[in-house]
Amino acid sequence: MTGQTDLTQLIKTMTPQLNDGEYVFCKTDNLDGIDVKEVVCIFKEQEAYTIVLNKTIADRLQLPYTYVAAWITLTVHSSLEAVGLTAAFSTALGDAGISCNVIAAYYHDHIFVKREDGEKAMEVLKRLAEGK
């Protein structure tokens, strides 16, 4: 099943969902002791692994972090080939003074914003979907 590519439909049906919890971005040189079942995302960069996970798990593993985020999932099945969705929602969030970090997965786009901006970001995204 392929995802949606039509930008108008993507925006109209993106249906943002605020996930429970607080999430952090950590870096590590190796994955020893990391249970991938507890991790939201792992990305291997030249310098280190970036791991996104629930703050409580990072604290338990004593992984340092500096950014605590709210995690919003756009529940529309967006194609990895879709053009313009990231630009549309990141512009709307930026216009509202909200920084976002985006991870595009196979089915959905995931947006991480500062924890205290979570509810405000949801309102911005809902207004965008409504065409306001």
N, C-alpha and C. Protein backbone atom coordinates (compact mmCIF):
# COMPACT_ATOMS: atom_id res chain seq x y z
N MET A 1 0.84 -1.18 0.00
CA MET A 1 0.00 0.00 0.00
C MET A 1 0.89 1.24 0.00
N THR A 2 0.67 2.10 -0.97
CA THR A 2 1.45 3.33 -1.04
C THR A 2 0.71 4.45 -0.32
N GLY A 3 1.47 5.42 0.12
CA GLY A 3 0.90 6.53 0.85
C GLY A 3 0.37 7.62 -0.06
N GLN A 4 -0.31 8.56 0.56
CA GLN A 4 -0.90 9.71 -0.13
C GLN A 4 0.20 10.66 -0.61
N THR A 5 0.06 11.19 -1.82
CA THR A 5 1.01 12.16 -2.35
C THR A 5 0.39 13.53 -2.62
N ASP A 6 -0.93 13.60 -2.70
CA ASP A 6 -1.61 14.87 -3.00
C ASP A 6 -1.52 15.79 -1.78
N LEU A 7 -0.85 16.92 -1.93
CA LEU A 7 -0.60 17.83 -0.82
C LEU A 7 -1.89 18.33 -0.18
N THR A 8 -2.87 18.68 -0.97
CA THR A 8 -4.13 19.18 -0.42
C THR A 8 -4.77 18.13 0.47
N GLN A 9 -4.81 16.90 0.00
CA GLN A 9 -5.38 15.80 0.79
C GLN A 9 -4.55 15.51 2.03
N LEU A 10 -3.23 15.54 1.88
CA LEU A 10 -2.35 15.29 3.03
C LEU A 10 -2.63 16.29 4.15
N ILE A 11 -2.70 17.56 3.80
CA ILE A 11 -2.92 18.59 4.82
C ILE A 11 -4.31 18.46 5.44
N LYS A 12 -5.30 18.25 4.59
CA LYS A 12 -6.68 18.16 5.06
C LYS A 12 -6.90 16.97 5.99
N THR A 13 -6.18 15.86 5.75
CA THR A 13 -6.41 14.62 6.50
C THR A 13 -5.24 14.22 7.40
N MET A 14 -4.34 15.16 7.69
CA MET A 14 -3.14 14.79 8.46
C MET A 14 -3.45 14.37 9.89
N THR A 15 -4.53 14.84 10.48
CA THR A 15 -5.01 14.44 11.80
C THR A 15 -3.88 14.25 12.81
N PRO A 16 -3.37 15.35 13.36
CA PRO A 16 -2.28 15.23 14.33
C PRO A 16 -2.74 14.56 15.63
N GLN A 17 -1.85 13.76 16.19
CA GLN A 17 -2.12 13.08 17.47
C GLN A 17 -0.95 13.36 18.40
N LEU A 18 -1.24 13.90 19.58
CA LEU A 18 -0.22 14.16 20.59
C LEU A 18 -0.03 12.89 21.40
N ASN A 19 1.16 12.31 21.31
CA ASN A 19 1.45 11.08 22.05
C ASN A 19 1.74 11.41 23.52
N ASP A 20 1.37 10.50 24.41
CA ASP A 20 1.64 10.69 25.83
C ASP A 20 3.13 10.62 26.10
N GLY A 21 3.58 11.35 27.09
CA GLY A 21 4.95 11.25 27.55
C GLY A 21 5.83 12.40 27.12
N GLU A 22 7.07 12.35 27.61
CA GLU A 22 8.11 13.30 27.28
C GLU A 22 9.21 12.52 26.57
N TYR A 23 9.75 13.09 25.51
CA TYR A 23 10.73 12.39 24.67
C TYR A 23 12.01 13.20 24.57
N VAL A 24 13.12 12.50 24.46
CA VAL A 24 14.43 13.15 24.42
C VAL A 24 15.27 12.57 23.29
N PHE A 25 16.20 13.39 22.82
CA PHE A 25 17.17 12.98 21.81
C PHE A 25 18.49 12.79 22.55
N CYS A 26 19.06 11.59 22.45
CA CYS A 26 20.33 11.28 23.11
C CYS A 26 21.33 10.84 22.05
N LYS A 27 22.61 10.92 22.41
CA LYS A 27 23.63 10.39 21.52
C LYS A 27 24.44 9.36 22.28
N THR A 28 24.93 8.37 21.54
CA THR A 28 25.76 7.33 22.13
C THR A 28 26.69 6.77 21.06
N ASP A 29 27.84 6.32 21.48
CA ASP A 29 28.80 5.74 20.54
C ASP A 29 28.49 4.29 20.20
N ASN A 30 27.73 3.61 21.08
CA ASN A 30 27.35 2.22 20.80
C ASN A 30 25.97 1.95 21.39
N LEU A 31 25.40 0.86 20.98
CA LEU A 31 24.04 0.53 21.41
C LEU A 31 24.01 -0.54 22.49
N ASP A 32 25.17 -0.83 23.09
CA ASP A 32 25.23 -1.81 24.18
C ASP A 32 24.29 -1.40 25.30
N GLY A 33 23.46 -2.31 25.75
CA GLY A 33 22.54 -2.03 26.84
C GLY A 33 21.27 -1.32 26.43
N ILE A 34 21.12 -1.01 25.15
CA ILE A 34 19.92 -0.34 24.65
C ILE A 34 18.97 -1.40 24.08
N ASP A 35 17.78 -1.49 24.62
CA ASP A 35 16.76 -2.41 24.11
C ASP A 35 15.98 -1.66 23.02
N VAL A 36 16.14 -2.08 21.77
CA VAL A 36 15.50 -1.35 20.67
C VAL A 36 13.97 -1.34 20.79
N LYS A 37 13.40 -2.24 21.57
CA LYS A 37 11.95 -2.24 21.78
C LYS A 37 11.51 -1.05 22.61
N GLU A 38 12.44 -0.40 23.32
CA GLU A 38 12.13 0.77 24.13
C GLU A 38 12.43 2.09 23.43
N VAL A 39 12.91 2.01 22.20
CA VAL A 39 13.38 3.18 21.48
C VAL A 39 12.35 3.60 20.43
N VAL A 40 12.13 4.90 20.28
CA VAL A 40 11.26 5.42 19.22
C VAL A 40 12.01 5.39 17.89
N CYS A 41 13.26 5.82 17.90
CA CYS A 41 14.02 5.93 16.66
C CYS A 41 15.51 5.85 16.96
N ILE A 42 16.24 5.21 16.06
CA ILE A 42 17.70 5.20 16.09
C ILE A 42 18.18 5.66 14.72
N PHE A 43 19.09 6.62 14.72
CA PHE A 43 19.66 7.09 13.46
C PHE A 43 21.17 7.09 13.61
N LYS A 44 21.85 6.43 12.69
CA LYS A 44 23.31 6.35 12.76
C LYS A 44 23.91 7.50 11.96
N GLU A 45 24.61 8.38 12.67
CA GLU A 45 25.34 9.47 12.04
C GLU A 45 26.83 9.15 12.12
N GLN A 46 27.62 9.89 11.39
CA GLN A 46 29.06 9.65 11.39
C GLN A 46 29.65 9.80 12.80
N GLU A 47 29.14 10.77 13.56
CA GLU A 47 29.71 11.06 14.88
C GLU A 47 29.24 10.10 15.97
N ALA A 48 28.00 9.66 15.89
CA ALA A 48 27.41 8.83 16.95
C ALA A 48 26.04 8.35 16.50
N TYR A 49 25.41 7.51 17.33
CA TYR A 49 24.01 7.14 17.14
C TYR A 49 23.15 8.20 17.82
N THR A 50 22.11 8.66 17.14
CA THR A 50 21.10 9.49 17.78
C THR A 50 19.95 8.56 18.14
N ILE A 51 19.50 8.65 19.38
CA ILE A 51 18.41 7.80 19.86
C ILE A 51 17.31 8.71 20.39
N VAL A 52 16.08 8.47 19.94
CA VAL A 52 14.93 9.18 20.46
C VAL A 52 14.15 8.18 21.31
N LEU A 53 13.90 8.56 22.56
CA LEU A 53 13.19 7.66 23.45
C LEU A 53 12.50 8.44 24.56
N ASN A 54 11.64 7.73 25.27
CA ASN A 54 10.92 8.33 26.38
C ASN A 54 11.93 8.79 27.43
N LYS A 55 11.68 9.95 28.00
CA LYS A 55 12.59 10.55 28.98
C LYS A 55 12.84 9.62 30.16
N THR A 56 11.83 8.91 30.62
CA THR A 56 12.01 8.02 31.77
C THR A 56 12.99 6.90 31.46
N ILE A 57 12.98 6.42 30.24
CA ILE A 57 13.93 5.37 29.84
C ILE A 57 15.34 5.94 29.75
N ALA A 58 15.48 7.13 29.17
CA ALA A 58 16.79 7.77 29.10
C ALA A 58 17.35 8.00 30.50
N ASP A 59 16.50 8.43 31.42
CA ASP A 59 16.94 8.64 32.80
C ASP A 59 17.40 7.33 33.42
N ARG A 60 16.64 6.26 33.21
CA ARG A 60 17.01 4.95 33.76
C ARG A 60 18.35 4.48 33.21
N LEU A 61 18.58 4.74 31.91
CA LEU A 61 19.83 4.32 31.27
C LEU A 61 20.96 5.33 31.50
N GLN A 62 20.65 6.42 32.18
CA GLN A 62 21.60 7.49 32.46
C GLN A 62 22.21 8.07 31.18
N LEU A 63 21.35 8.26 30.18
CA LEU A 63 21.77 8.88 28.94
C LEU A 63 21.52 10.38 29.04
N PRO A 64 22.53 11.20 28.77
CA PRO A 64 22.34 12.64 28.86
C PRO A 64 21.52 13.19 27.69
N TYR A 65 20.81 14.29 27.93
CA TYR A 65 20.01 14.97 26.91
C TYR A 65 19.88 16.43 27.31
N THR A 66 19.53 17.26 26.35
CA THR A 66 19.35 18.69 26.63
C THR A 66 17.99 19.19 26.17
N TYR A 67 17.26 18.38 25.45
CA TYR A 67 16.01 18.81 24.81
C TYR A 67 14.91 17.83 25.20
N VAL A 68 13.86 18.33 25.85
CA VAL A 68 12.71 17.49 26.20
C VAL A 68 11.56 17.90 25.29
N ALA A 69 11.00 16.91 24.62
CA ALA A 69 10.03 17.18 23.56
C ALA A 69 8.69 16.51 23.79
N ALA A 70 7.68 17.10 23.15
CA ALA A 70 6.39 16.45 22.94
C ALA A 70 6.45 15.82 21.55
N TRP A 71 5.79 14.68 21.38
CA TRP A 71 5.82 13.94 20.12
C TRP A 71 4.43 13.96 19.50
N ILE A 72 4.35 14.50 18.30
CA ILE A 72 3.09 14.56 17.55
C ILE A 72 3.23 13.69 16.31
N THR A 73 2.25 12.82 16.10
CA THR A 73 2.21 11.97 14.91
C THR A 73 1.12 12.48 13.98
N LEU A 74 1.46 12.69 12.72
CA LEU A 74 0.44 12.98 11.70
C LEU A 74 -0.06 11.63 11.22
N THR A 75 -1.31 11.31 11.51
CA THR A 75 -1.79 9.95 11.31
C THR A 75 -2.14 9.61 9.87
N VAL A 76 -2.08 10.58 8.96
CA VAL A 76 -2.30 10.28 7.54
C VAL A 76 -1.12 9.45 7.03
N HIS A 77 -1.40 8.47 6.18
CA HIS A 77 -0.33 7.67 5.58
C HIS A 77 0.25 8.46 4.41
N SER A 78 1.32 9.16 4.70
CA SER A 78 1.96 10.00 3.69
C SER A 78 3.03 9.21 2.95
N SER A 79 3.09 9.40 1.65
CA SER A 79 4.12 8.75 0.85
C SER A 79 5.47 9.40 1.13
N LEU A 80 6.51 8.60 1.09
CA LEU A 80 7.87 9.15 1.23
C LEU A 80 8.22 10.03 0.03
N GLU A 81 7.44 9.94 -1.04
CA GLU A 81 7.66 10.75 -2.23
C GLU A 81 6.78 12.00 -2.27
N ALA A 82 5.97 12.20 -1.26
CA ALA A 82 5.09 13.37 -1.23
C ALA A 82 5.92 14.65 -1.16
N VAL A 83 5.45 15.67 -1.84
CA VAL A 83 6.16 16.95 -1.91
C VAL A 83 5.36 18.02 -1.20
N GLY A 84 5.97 18.70 -0.23
CA GLY A 84 5.39 19.89 0.35
C GLY A 84 4.79 19.77 1.73
N LEU A 85 4.53 18.57 2.22
CA LEU A 85 3.88 18.43 3.53
C LEU A 85 4.78 18.97 4.64
N THR A 86 6.03 18.57 4.65
CA THR A 86 6.94 19.05 5.70
C THR A 86 7.07 20.56 5.65
N ALA A 87 7.18 21.10 4.44
CA ALA A 87 7.28 22.56 4.29
C ALA A 87 6.03 23.25 4.83
N ALA A 88 4.86 22.68 4.57
CA ALA A 88 3.60 23.30 5.00
C ALA A 88 3.50 23.33 6.51
N PHE A 89 3.71 22.19 7.17
CA PHE A 89 3.52 22.22 8.62
C PHE A 89 4.68 22.89 9.34
N SER A 90 5.90 22.78 8.81
CA SER A 90 7.02 23.45 9.49
C SER A 90 6.92 24.96 9.35
N THR A 91 6.40 25.44 8.23
CA THR A 91 6.18 26.88 8.06
C THR A 91 5.10 27.37 9.03
N ALA A 92 4.00 26.63 9.13
CA ALA A 92 2.93 27.02 10.06
C ALA A 92 3.44 27.04 11.49
N LEU A 93 4.19 26.04 11.88
CA LEU A 93 4.75 26.00 13.23
C LEU A 93 5.76 27.12 13.42
N GLY A 94 6.62 27.34 12.44
CA GLY A 94 7.61 28.42 12.53
C GLY A 94 6.95 29.78 12.65
N ASP A 95 5.88 30.01 11.90
CA ASP A 95 5.15 31.27 11.99
C ASP A 95 4.58 31.50 13.39
N ALA A 96 4.32 30.38 14.10
CA ALA A 96 3.80 30.47 15.47
C ALA A 96 4.93 30.48 16.49
N GLY A 97 6.17 30.52 16.02
CA GLY A 97 7.32 30.56 16.92
C GLY A 97 7.67 29.22 17.54
N ILE A 98 7.28 28.12 16.87
CA ILE A 98 7.52 26.78 17.41
C ILE A 98 8.56 26.07 16.54
N SER A 99 9.65 25.69 17.16
CA SER A 99 10.68 24.90 16.49
C SER A 99 10.21 23.46 16.40
N CYS A 100 10.54 22.79 15.29
CA CYS A 100 10.14 21.38 15.18
C CYS A 100 11.28 20.54 14.61
N ASN A 101 11.33 19.32 15.08
CA ASN A 101 12.25 18.31 14.58
C ASN A 101 11.40 17.21 13.99
N VAL A 102 11.66 16.84 12.74
CA VAL A 102 10.78 15.96 12.00
C VAL A 102 11.47 14.64 11.67
N ILE A 103 10.74 13.55 11.86
CA ILE A 103 11.19 12.23 11.43
C ILE A 103 10.11 11.67 10.52
N ALA A 104 10.47 11.41 9.27
CA ALA A 104 9.54 10.79 8.34
C ALA A 104 9.77 9.29 8.36
N ALA A 105 8.78 8.55 8.80
CA ALA A 105 8.86 7.10 8.81
C ALA A 105 8.06 6.55 7.62
N TYR A 106 7.95 5.25 7.51
CA TYR A 106 7.30 4.65 6.35
C TYR A 106 5.84 5.09 6.20
N TYR A 107 5.10 5.07 7.29
CA TYR A 107 3.67 5.40 7.22
C TYR A 107 3.34 6.84 7.56
N HIS A 108 4.04 7.41 8.53
CA HIS A 108 3.63 8.70 9.07
C HIS A 108 4.82 9.64 9.27
N ASP A 109 4.49 10.92 9.38
CA ASP A 109 5.47 11.92 9.77
C ASP A 109 5.32 12.16 11.27
N HIS A 110 6.45 12.32 11.94
CA HIS A 110 6.48 12.51 13.38
C HIS A 110 7.19 13.82 13.67
N ILE A 111 6.56 14.64 14.51
CA ILE A 111 7.06 15.97 14.79
C ILE A 111 7.36 16.06 16.28
N PHE A 112 8.56 16.50 16.59
CA PHE A 112 8.96 16.71 17.98
C PHE A 112 9.12 18.20 18.21
N VAL A 113 8.40 18.71 19.19
CA VAL A 113 8.45 20.13 19.56
C VAL A 113 8.79 20.22 21.04
N LYS A 114 9.27 21.38 21.48
CA LYS A 114 9.54 21.53 22.91
C LYS A 114 8.30 21.12 23.69
N ARG A 115 8.53 20.40 24.78
CA ARG A 115 7.43 19.87 25.59
C ARG A 115 6.37 20.92 25.87
N GLU A 116 6.80 22.13 26.24
CA GLU A 116 5.84 23.17 26.60
C GLU A 116 5.08 23.73 25.39
N ASP A 117 5.51 23.40 24.18
CA ASP A 117 4.82 23.85 22.97
C ASP A 117 3.87 22.80 22.39
N GLY A 118 3.74 21.65 23.04
CA GLY A 118 2.95 20.54 22.49
C GLY A 118 1.51 20.90 22.17
N GLU A 119 0.80 21.47 23.12
CA GLU A 119 -0.62 21.81 22.91
C GLU A 119 -0.77 22.93 21.88
N LYS A 120 0.10 23.92 21.96
CA LYS A 120 0.05 25.03 20.99
C LYS A 120 0.32 24.49 19.58
N ALA A 121 1.27 23.59 19.44
CA ALA A 121 1.57 23.00 18.13
C ALA A 121 0.36 22.22 17.60
N MET A 122 -0.33 21.52 18.48
CA MET A 122 -1.53 20.78 18.05
C MET A 122 -2.57 21.74 17.49
N GLU A 123 -2.77 22.87 18.14
CA GLU A 123 -3.74 23.85 17.66
C GLU A 123 -3.33 24.42 16.30
N VAL A 124 -2.04 24.71 16.14
CA VAL A 124 -1.54 25.22 14.85
C VAL A 124 -1.78 24.19 13.75
N LEU A 125 -1.48 22.94 14.02
CA LEU A 125 -1.65 21.88 13.01
C LEU A 125 -3.11 21.65 12.68
N LYS A 126 -3.97 21.71 13.68
CA LYS A 126 -5.41 21.54 13.43
C LYS A 126 -5.95 22.68 12.58
N ARG A 127 -5.51 23.92 12.86
CA ARG A 127 -5.94 25.07 12.04
C ARG A 127 -5.44 24.91 10.60
N LEU A 128 -4.21 24.44 10.44
CA LEU A 128 -3.68 24.21 9.09
C LEU A 128 -4.55 23.20 8.34
N ALA A 129 -4.91 22.10 9.01
CA ALA A 129 -5.74 21.08 8.37
C ALA A 129 -7.11 21.61 7.99
N GLU A 130 -7.62 22.54 8.79
CA GLU A 130 -8.95 23.14 8.53
C GLU A 130 -8.88 24.24 7.49
N GLY A 131 -7.67 24.56 7.02
CA GLY A 131 -7.51 25.60 6.01
C GLY A 131 -7.58 27.00 6.56
N LYS A 132 -7.35 27.16 7.85
CA LYS A 132 -7.44 28.48 8.50
C LYS A 132 -6.06 29.10 8.65
